[in-house]
Amino acid sequence: IRGNGRRDNISIHQFIELFDSERSINNDKITWNDVQISIDNVIKQLFECVSVVYYHKLVAMAPFDRVHPNTAWSEDGYNKASARAMYGLDIILDSSFNPFLLEVQWAPDCDKTLELHPTFWNDNLSC
């Protein structure tokens, strides 16, 4: 947001350049790359947690009518399903640029993204 209260849409590349230049003016040692690594780690931890299915003899497997259709069980009980999906993640950064996951949407609205990045779907979901 600019000083006049007007909000401008900028590309991710412009944002990173502005972020890093502002940090260098303030003599901060953090760069956007450092922040991005932290965000990537939060996302990685999220999907590691939700994709792990631990099967033990003492714990019965969920009945198949209660299991998500993309779930596949193998002989050893681990989830080996492969599927593609697009999720929307709301992440906030604190004043020290530490990321916190707020919510995950299973059907995000990508209209604004497509306005700013028309090849978004092809760039992210191409085989």
N, C-alpha and C. Protein backbone atom coordinates (compact mmCIF):
# COMPACT_ATOMS: atom_id res chain seq x y z
N ILE A 1 0.86 -1.18 0.00
CA ILE A 1 0.00 0.00 0.00
C ILE A 1 0.90 1.23 0.00
N ARG A 2 0.59 2.12 -0.87
CA ARG A 2 1.37 3.36 -0.97
C ARG A 2 0.92 4.35 0.09
N GLY A 3 1.70 5.38 0.27
CA GLY A 3 1.40 6.42 1.26
C GLY A 3 0.06 7.10 1.03
N ASN A 4 -0.40 7.13 -0.22
CA ASN A 4 -1.69 7.76 -0.51
C ASN A 4 -2.87 6.81 -0.26
N GLY A 5 -2.60 5.63 0.30
CA GLY A 5 -3.65 4.68 0.61
C GLY A 5 -4.06 3.82 -0.57
N ARG A 6 -3.44 4.05 -1.73
CA ARG A 6 -3.76 3.28 -2.93
C ARG A 6 -2.98 1.97 -2.94
N ARG A 7 -3.67 0.92 -3.29
CA ARG A 7 -3.04 -0.40 -3.33
C ARG A 7 -2.71 -0.73 -4.78
N ASP A 8 -1.48 -1.09 -5.06
CA ASP A 8 -1.06 -1.45 -6.41
C ASP A 8 -0.74 -2.93 -6.47
N ASN A 9 -1.11 -3.53 -7.59
CA ASN A 9 -0.72 -4.92 -7.83
C ASN A 9 0.65 -4.91 -8.48
N ILE A 10 1.54 -5.68 -7.91
CA ILE A 10 2.88 -5.79 -8.48
C ILE A 10 3.21 -7.26 -8.67
N SER A 11 4.14 -7.54 -9.53
CA SER A 11 4.53 -8.93 -9.76
C SER A 11 5.35 -9.43 -8.57
N ILE A 12 5.46 -10.73 -8.47
CA ILE A 12 6.26 -11.33 -7.40
C ILE A 12 7.71 -10.87 -7.50
N HIS A 13 8.20 -10.74 -8.73
CA HIS A 13 9.58 -10.29 -8.92
C HIS A 13 9.78 -8.86 -8.42
N GLN A 14 8.80 -7.99 -8.68
CA GLN A 14 8.87 -6.62 -8.16
C GLN A 14 8.80 -6.62 -6.64
N PHE A 15 7.93 -7.46 -6.09
CA PHE A 15 7.80 -7.53 -4.64
C PHE A 15 9.12 -7.93 -3.99
N ILE A 16 9.75 -8.97 -4.53
CA ILE A 16 11.01 -9.45 -3.96
C ILE A 16 12.08 -8.37 -4.04
N GLU A 17 12.13 -7.69 -5.16
CA GLU A 17 13.11 -6.60 -5.31
C GLU A 17 12.86 -5.49 -4.29
N LEU A 18 11.59 -5.11 -4.10
CA LEU A 18 11.26 -4.08 -3.11
C LEU A 18 11.56 -4.54 -1.69
N PHE A 19 11.21 -5.78 -1.39
CA PHE A 19 11.45 -6.33 -0.06
C PHE A 19 12.94 -6.30 0.26
N ASP A 20 13.75 -6.84 -0.65
CA ASP A 20 15.19 -6.92 -0.41
C ASP A 20 15.83 -5.54 -0.35
N SER A 21 15.37 -4.61 -1.18
CA SER A 21 15.97 -3.26 -1.14
C SER A 21 15.59 -2.55 0.15
N GLU A 22 14.35 -2.74 0.62
CA GLU A 22 13.94 -2.13 1.89
C GLU A 22 14.73 -2.71 3.05
N ARG A 23 14.94 -4.01 3.03
CA ARG A 23 15.71 -4.65 4.09
C ARG A 23 17.15 -4.14 4.10
N SER A 24 17.75 -3.95 2.92
CA SER A 24 19.13 -3.47 2.89
C SER A 24 19.23 -2.03 3.36
N ILE A 25 18.22 -1.20 3.08
CA ILE A 25 18.19 0.18 3.57
C ILE A 25 18.15 0.19 5.09
N ASN A 26 17.38 -0.74 5.67
CA ASN A 26 17.25 -0.83 7.13
C ASN A 26 18.35 -1.67 7.77
N ASN A 27 19.34 -2.08 6.99
CA ASN A 27 20.46 -2.90 7.45
C ASN A 27 20.01 -4.22 8.06
N ASP A 28 18.86 -4.73 7.61
CA ASP A 28 18.42 -6.06 8.03
C ASP A 28 19.21 -7.08 7.24
N LYS A 29 19.51 -8.18 7.87
CA LYS A 29 20.27 -9.23 7.18
C LYS A 29 19.34 -10.23 6.50
N ILE A 30 18.05 -10.11 6.72
CA ILE A 30 17.10 -11.07 6.14
C ILE A 30 16.77 -10.68 4.70
N THR A 31 16.70 -11.68 3.84
CA THR A 31 16.30 -11.46 2.46
C THR A 31 15.00 -12.21 2.22
N TRP A 32 14.35 -11.92 1.09
CA TRP A 32 13.12 -12.66 0.78
C TRP A 32 13.42 -14.14 0.63
N ASN A 33 14.58 -14.49 0.13
CA ASN A 33 14.94 -15.90 0.00
C ASN A 33 14.89 -16.59 1.37
N ASP A 34 15.36 -15.93 2.41
CA ASP A 34 15.30 -16.49 3.77
C ASP A 34 13.85 -16.70 4.20
N VAL A 35 13.00 -15.71 3.93
CA VAL A 35 11.59 -15.81 4.28
C VAL A 35 10.93 -16.93 3.49
N GLN A 36 11.25 -17.02 2.19
CA GLN A 36 10.65 -18.05 1.35
C GLN A 36 11.03 -19.45 1.83
N ILE A 37 12.24 -19.61 2.26
CA ILE A 37 12.67 -20.91 2.80
C ILE A 37 11.85 -21.27 4.04
N SER A 38 11.60 -20.30 4.90
CA SER A 38 10.77 -20.54 6.10
C SER A 38 9.34 -20.90 5.72
N ILE A 39 8.79 -20.19 4.74
CA ILE A 39 7.43 -20.48 4.27
C ILE A 39 7.38 -21.88 3.66
N ASP A 40 8.36 -22.21 2.84
CA ASP A 40 8.42 -23.53 2.22
C ASP A 40 8.47 -24.63 3.28
N ASN A 41 9.19 -24.40 4.37
CA ASN A 41 9.29 -25.39 5.45
C ASN A 41 7.95 -25.59 6.15
N VAL A 42 7.19 -24.50 6.34
CA VAL A 42 5.85 -24.61 6.94
C VAL A 42 4.95 -25.46 6.04
N ILE A 43 4.99 -25.18 4.73
CA ILE A 43 4.17 -25.92 3.79
C ILE A 43 4.60 -27.39 3.75
N LYS A 44 5.89 -27.62 3.74
CA LYS A 44 6.40 -29.00 3.73
C LYS A 44 5.93 -29.76 4.96
N GLN A 45 6.02 -29.13 6.13
CA GLN A 45 5.59 -29.78 7.37
C GLN A 45 4.10 -30.08 7.33
N LEU A 46 3.31 -29.16 6.80
CA LEU A 46 1.87 -29.37 6.69
C LEU A 46 1.57 -30.63 5.88
N PHE A 47 2.15 -30.72 4.69
CA PHE A 47 1.84 -31.85 3.82
C PHE A 47 2.49 -33.15 4.29
N GLU A 48 3.60 -33.06 4.99
CA GLU A 48 4.15 -34.27 5.59
C GLU A 48 3.20 -34.80 6.65
N CYS A 49 2.64 -33.90 7.45
CA CYS A 49 1.72 -34.33 8.52
C CYS A 49 0.45 -34.95 7.95
N VAL A 50 -0.14 -34.34 6.95
CA VAL A 50 -1.41 -34.85 6.46
C VAL A 50 -1.26 -36.02 5.50
N SER A 51 -0.06 -36.25 5.00
CA SER A 51 0.09 -37.36 4.05
C SER A 51 0.59 -38.64 4.70
N VAL A 52 0.98 -38.57 5.94
CA VAL A 52 1.48 -39.76 6.62
C VAL A 52 0.30 -40.56 7.17
N VAL A 53 0.28 -41.80 6.80
CA VAL A 53 -0.73 -42.70 7.36
C VAL A 53 0.05 -43.80 8.04
N TYR A 54 -0.06 -43.86 9.34
CA TYR A 54 0.67 -44.86 10.11
C TYR A 54 -0.29 -46.00 10.43
N TYR A 55 0.09 -47.17 10.05
CA TYR A 55 -0.74 -48.35 10.30
C TYR A 55 -0.04 -49.24 11.32
N HIS A 56 -0.75 -49.63 12.29
CA HIS A 56 -0.21 -50.52 13.31
C HIS A 56 -1.26 -51.59 13.59
N LYS A 57 -0.80 -52.78 13.94
CA LYS A 57 -1.70 -53.90 14.20
C LYS A 57 -2.78 -53.54 15.24
N LEU A 58 -2.40 -52.71 16.20
CA LEU A 58 -3.32 -52.38 17.28
C LEU A 58 -4.34 -51.31 16.89
N VAL A 59 -4.10 -50.66 15.77
CA VAL A 59 -5.01 -49.61 15.31
C VAL A 59 -5.66 -50.08 14.02
N ALA A 60 -6.95 -50.17 14.00
CA ALA A 60 -7.65 -50.64 12.80
C ALA A 60 -7.64 -49.56 11.72
N MET A 61 -7.58 -50.01 10.47
CA MET A 61 -7.68 -49.07 9.37
C MET A 61 -9.10 -48.52 9.32
N ALA A 62 -9.22 -47.31 8.81
CA ALA A 62 -10.55 -46.71 8.67
C ALA A 62 -11.36 -47.51 7.66
N PRO A 63 -12.66 -47.62 7.87
CA PRO A 63 -13.49 -48.31 6.88
C PRO A 63 -13.41 -47.56 5.55
N PHE A 64 -13.43 -48.29 4.45
CA PHE A 64 -13.21 -47.67 3.15
C PHE A 64 -14.27 -46.63 2.80
N ASP A 65 -15.48 -46.74 3.33
CA ASP A 65 -16.49 -45.72 3.05
C ASP A 65 -16.20 -44.42 3.81
N ARG A 66 -15.23 -44.43 4.71
CA ARG A 66 -14.87 -43.23 5.47
C ARG A 66 -13.52 -42.67 5.02
N VAL A 67 -12.89 -43.27 4.00
CA VAL A 67 -11.57 -42.87 3.55
C VAL A 67 -11.71 -42.00 2.31
N HIS A 68 -10.91 -40.96 2.22
CA HIS A 68 -10.94 -40.07 1.06
C HIS A 68 -10.68 -40.88 -0.22
N PRO A 69 -11.38 -40.56 -1.32
CA PRO A 69 -11.24 -41.35 -2.55
C PRO A 69 -9.81 -41.38 -3.12
N ASN A 70 -8.98 -40.39 -2.81
CA ASN A 70 -7.60 -40.39 -3.31
C ASN A 70 -6.67 -41.23 -2.46
N THR A 71 -7.20 -41.84 -1.43
CA THR A 71 -6.37 -42.65 -0.54
C THR A 71 -6.25 -44.06 -1.10
N ALA A 72 -5.05 -44.57 -1.09
CA ALA A 72 -4.83 -45.95 -1.55
C ALA A 72 -4.01 -46.67 -0.49
N TRP A 73 -4.47 -47.83 -0.10
CA TRP A 73 -3.75 -48.60 0.91
C TRP A 73 -2.98 -49.72 0.23
N SER A 74 -1.78 -49.94 0.67
CA SER A 74 -0.99 -51.05 0.16
C SER A 74 -0.97 -52.15 1.22
N GLU A 75 -0.29 -53.22 0.92
CA GLU A 75 -0.19 -54.34 1.87
C GLU A 75 0.40 -53.91 3.20
N ASP A 76 1.38 -52.99 3.17
CA ASP A 76 2.03 -52.59 4.42
C ASP A 76 1.27 -51.48 5.15
N GLY A 77 0.15 -51.04 4.59
CA GLY A 77 -0.69 -50.07 5.28
C GLY A 77 -0.35 -48.63 5.04
N TYR A 78 0.70 -48.33 4.27
CA TYR A 78 1.05 -46.93 4.04
C TYR A 78 0.29 -46.36 2.87
N ASN A 79 0.02 -45.09 2.92
CA ASN A 79 -0.68 -44.40 1.85
C ASN A 79 0.29 -44.18 0.69
N LYS A 80 0.02 -44.77 -0.43
CA LYS A 80 0.88 -44.62 -1.59
C LYS A 80 0.12 -43.98 -2.76
N ALA A 81 -0.92 -43.25 -2.45
CA ALA A 81 -1.73 -42.62 -3.49
C ALA A 81 -0.96 -41.48 -4.14
N SER A 82 -1.20 -41.31 -5.41
CA SER A 82 -0.63 -40.15 -6.08
C SER A 82 -1.79 -39.39 -6.71
N ALA A 83 -1.85 -38.12 -6.44
CA ALA A 83 -2.93 -37.28 -6.95
C ALA A 83 -2.42 -35.86 -7.05
N ARG A 84 -3.11 -35.08 -7.83
CA ARG A 84 -2.78 -33.66 -7.93
C ARG A 84 -3.94 -32.84 -7.42
N ALA A 85 -3.62 -31.77 -6.75
CA ALA A 85 -4.65 -30.88 -6.25
C ALA A 85 -4.06 -29.48 -6.09
N MET A 86 -4.91 -28.51 -6.08
CA MET A 86 -4.49 -27.13 -5.86
C MET A 86 -5.12 -26.70 -4.53
N TYR A 87 -4.29 -26.26 -3.62
CA TYR A 87 -4.76 -25.79 -2.33
C TYR A 87 -4.40 -24.31 -2.19
N GLY A 88 -5.22 -23.59 -1.46
CA GLY A 88 -4.89 -22.22 -1.13
C GLY A 88 -4.44 -22.18 0.32
N LEU A 89 -3.30 -21.57 0.57
CA LEU A 89 -2.77 -21.48 1.93
C LEU A 89 -2.71 -20.03 2.34
N ASP A 90 -3.29 -19.71 3.47
CA ASP A 90 -3.17 -18.37 4.03
C ASP A 90 -2.07 -18.41 5.08
N ILE A 91 -1.02 -17.66 4.82
CA ILE A 91 0.13 -17.62 5.71
C ILE A 91 0.37 -16.16 6.08
N ILE A 92 0.60 -15.92 7.35
CA ILE A 92 0.90 -14.57 7.82
C ILE A 92 2.32 -14.56 8.35
N LEU A 93 2.98 -13.43 8.20
CA LEU A 93 4.34 -13.27 8.73
C LEU A 93 4.28 -12.34 9.93
N ASP A 94 5.00 -12.70 10.99
CA ASP A 94 5.06 -11.79 12.14
C ASP A 94 6.10 -10.70 11.87
N SER A 95 6.34 -9.85 12.84
CA SER A 95 7.25 -8.72 12.64
C SER A 95 8.70 -9.15 12.42
N SER A 96 9.00 -10.40 12.73
CA SER A 96 10.34 -10.93 12.47
C SER A 96 10.36 -11.81 11.21
N PHE A 97 9.26 -11.78 10.46
CA PHE A 97 9.10 -12.52 9.21
C PHE A 97 9.05 -14.03 9.41
N ASN A 98 8.58 -14.47 10.58
CA ASN A 98 8.33 -15.89 10.81
C ASN A 98 6.94 -16.22 10.29
N PRO A 99 6.81 -17.27 9.47
CA PRO A 99 5.50 -17.60 8.90
C PRO A 99 4.63 -18.42 9.84
N PHE A 100 3.32 -18.14 9.79
CA PHE A 100 2.33 -18.89 10.55
C PHE A 100 1.19 -19.24 9.61
N LEU A 101 0.85 -20.52 9.56
CA LEU A 101 -0.24 -20.99 8.71
C LEU A 101 -1.56 -20.66 9.38
N LEU A 102 -2.42 -19.95 8.65
CA LEU A 102 -3.74 -19.58 9.19
C LEU A 102 -4.81 -20.57 8.78
N GLU A 103 -4.83 -20.92 7.48
CA GLU A 103 -5.84 -21.86 7.01
C GLU A 103 -5.44 -22.44 5.67
N VAL A 104 -6.11 -23.53 5.33
CA VAL A 104 -5.90 -24.20 4.05
C VAL A 104 -7.27 -24.31 3.39
N GLN A 105 -7.35 -23.91 2.12
CA GLN A 105 -8.59 -24.05 1.37
C GLN A 105 -8.40 -25.14 0.33
N TRP A 106 -9.37 -26.01 0.20
CA TRP A 106 -9.25 -27.09 -0.76
C TRP A 106 -9.72 -26.67 -2.15
N ALA A 107 -10.40 -25.54 -2.26
CA ALA A 107 -10.86 -25.04 -3.56
C ALA A 107 -10.64 -23.53 -3.60
N PRO A 108 -9.38 -23.10 -3.74
CA PRO A 108 -9.11 -21.66 -3.68
C PRO A 108 -9.63 -20.92 -4.92
N ASP A 109 -9.97 -19.66 -4.71
CA ASP A 109 -10.39 -18.79 -5.81
C ASP A 109 -9.12 -18.24 -6.46
N CYS A 110 -8.91 -18.57 -7.71
CA CYS A 110 -7.68 -18.16 -8.40
C CYS A 110 -7.92 -17.04 -9.40
N ASP A 111 -9.06 -16.37 -9.34
CA ASP A 111 -9.37 -15.32 -10.32
C ASP A 111 -8.33 -14.21 -10.32
N LYS A 112 -7.98 -13.70 -9.16
CA LYS A 112 -6.99 -12.60 -9.08
C LYS A 112 -5.63 -13.08 -9.56
N THR A 113 -5.27 -14.29 -9.18
CA THR A 113 -4.00 -14.86 -9.62
C THR A 113 -3.96 -14.94 -11.15
N LEU A 114 -5.05 -15.39 -11.75
CA LEU A 114 -5.10 -15.51 -13.21
C LEU A 114 -5.06 -14.15 -13.90
N GLU A 115 -5.62 -13.13 -13.25
CA GLU A 115 -5.52 -11.77 -13.80
C GLU A 115 -4.06 -11.33 -13.88
N LEU A 116 -3.31 -11.61 -12.83
CA LEU A 116 -1.93 -11.16 -12.75
C LEU A 116 -0.95 -12.12 -13.42
N HIS A 117 -1.35 -13.39 -13.53
CA HIS A 117 -0.47 -14.42 -14.07
C HIS A 117 -1.31 -15.38 -14.94
N PRO A 118 -1.61 -14.99 -16.19
CA PRO A 118 -2.54 -15.77 -17.03
C PRO A 118 -2.11 -17.21 -17.28
N THR A 119 -0.84 -17.53 -17.19
CA THR A 119 -0.38 -18.89 -17.46
C THR A 119 -0.22 -19.71 -16.17
N PHE A 120 -0.82 -19.23 -15.09
CA PHE A 120 -0.70 -19.86 -13.78
C PHE A 120 -0.99 -21.36 -13.81
N TRP A 121 -2.15 -21.76 -14.36
CA TRP A 121 -2.52 -23.17 -14.35
C TRP A 121 -1.50 -24.01 -15.12
N ASN A 122 -1.14 -23.57 -16.30
CA ASN A 122 -0.18 -24.33 -17.11
C ASN A 122 1.18 -24.39 -16.43
N ASP A 123 1.60 -23.30 -15.81
CA ASP A 123 2.91 -23.27 -15.14
C ASP A 123 2.96 -24.18 -13.93
N ASN A 124 1.83 -24.34 -13.25
CA ASN A 124 1.84 -25.09 -12.00
C ASN A 124 1.32 -26.51 -12.09
N LEU A 125 0.50 -26.82 -13.06
CA LEU A 125 -0.09 -28.16 -13.13
C LEU A 125 0.27 -28.91 -14.40
N SER A 126 1.25 -28.43 -15.13
CA SER A 126 1.61 -29.15 -16.35
C SER A 126 2.35 -30.44 -16.00
N CYS A 127 2.19 -31.43 -16.83
CA CYS A 127 2.81 -32.73 -16.59
C CYS A 127 4.24 -32.73 -17.09
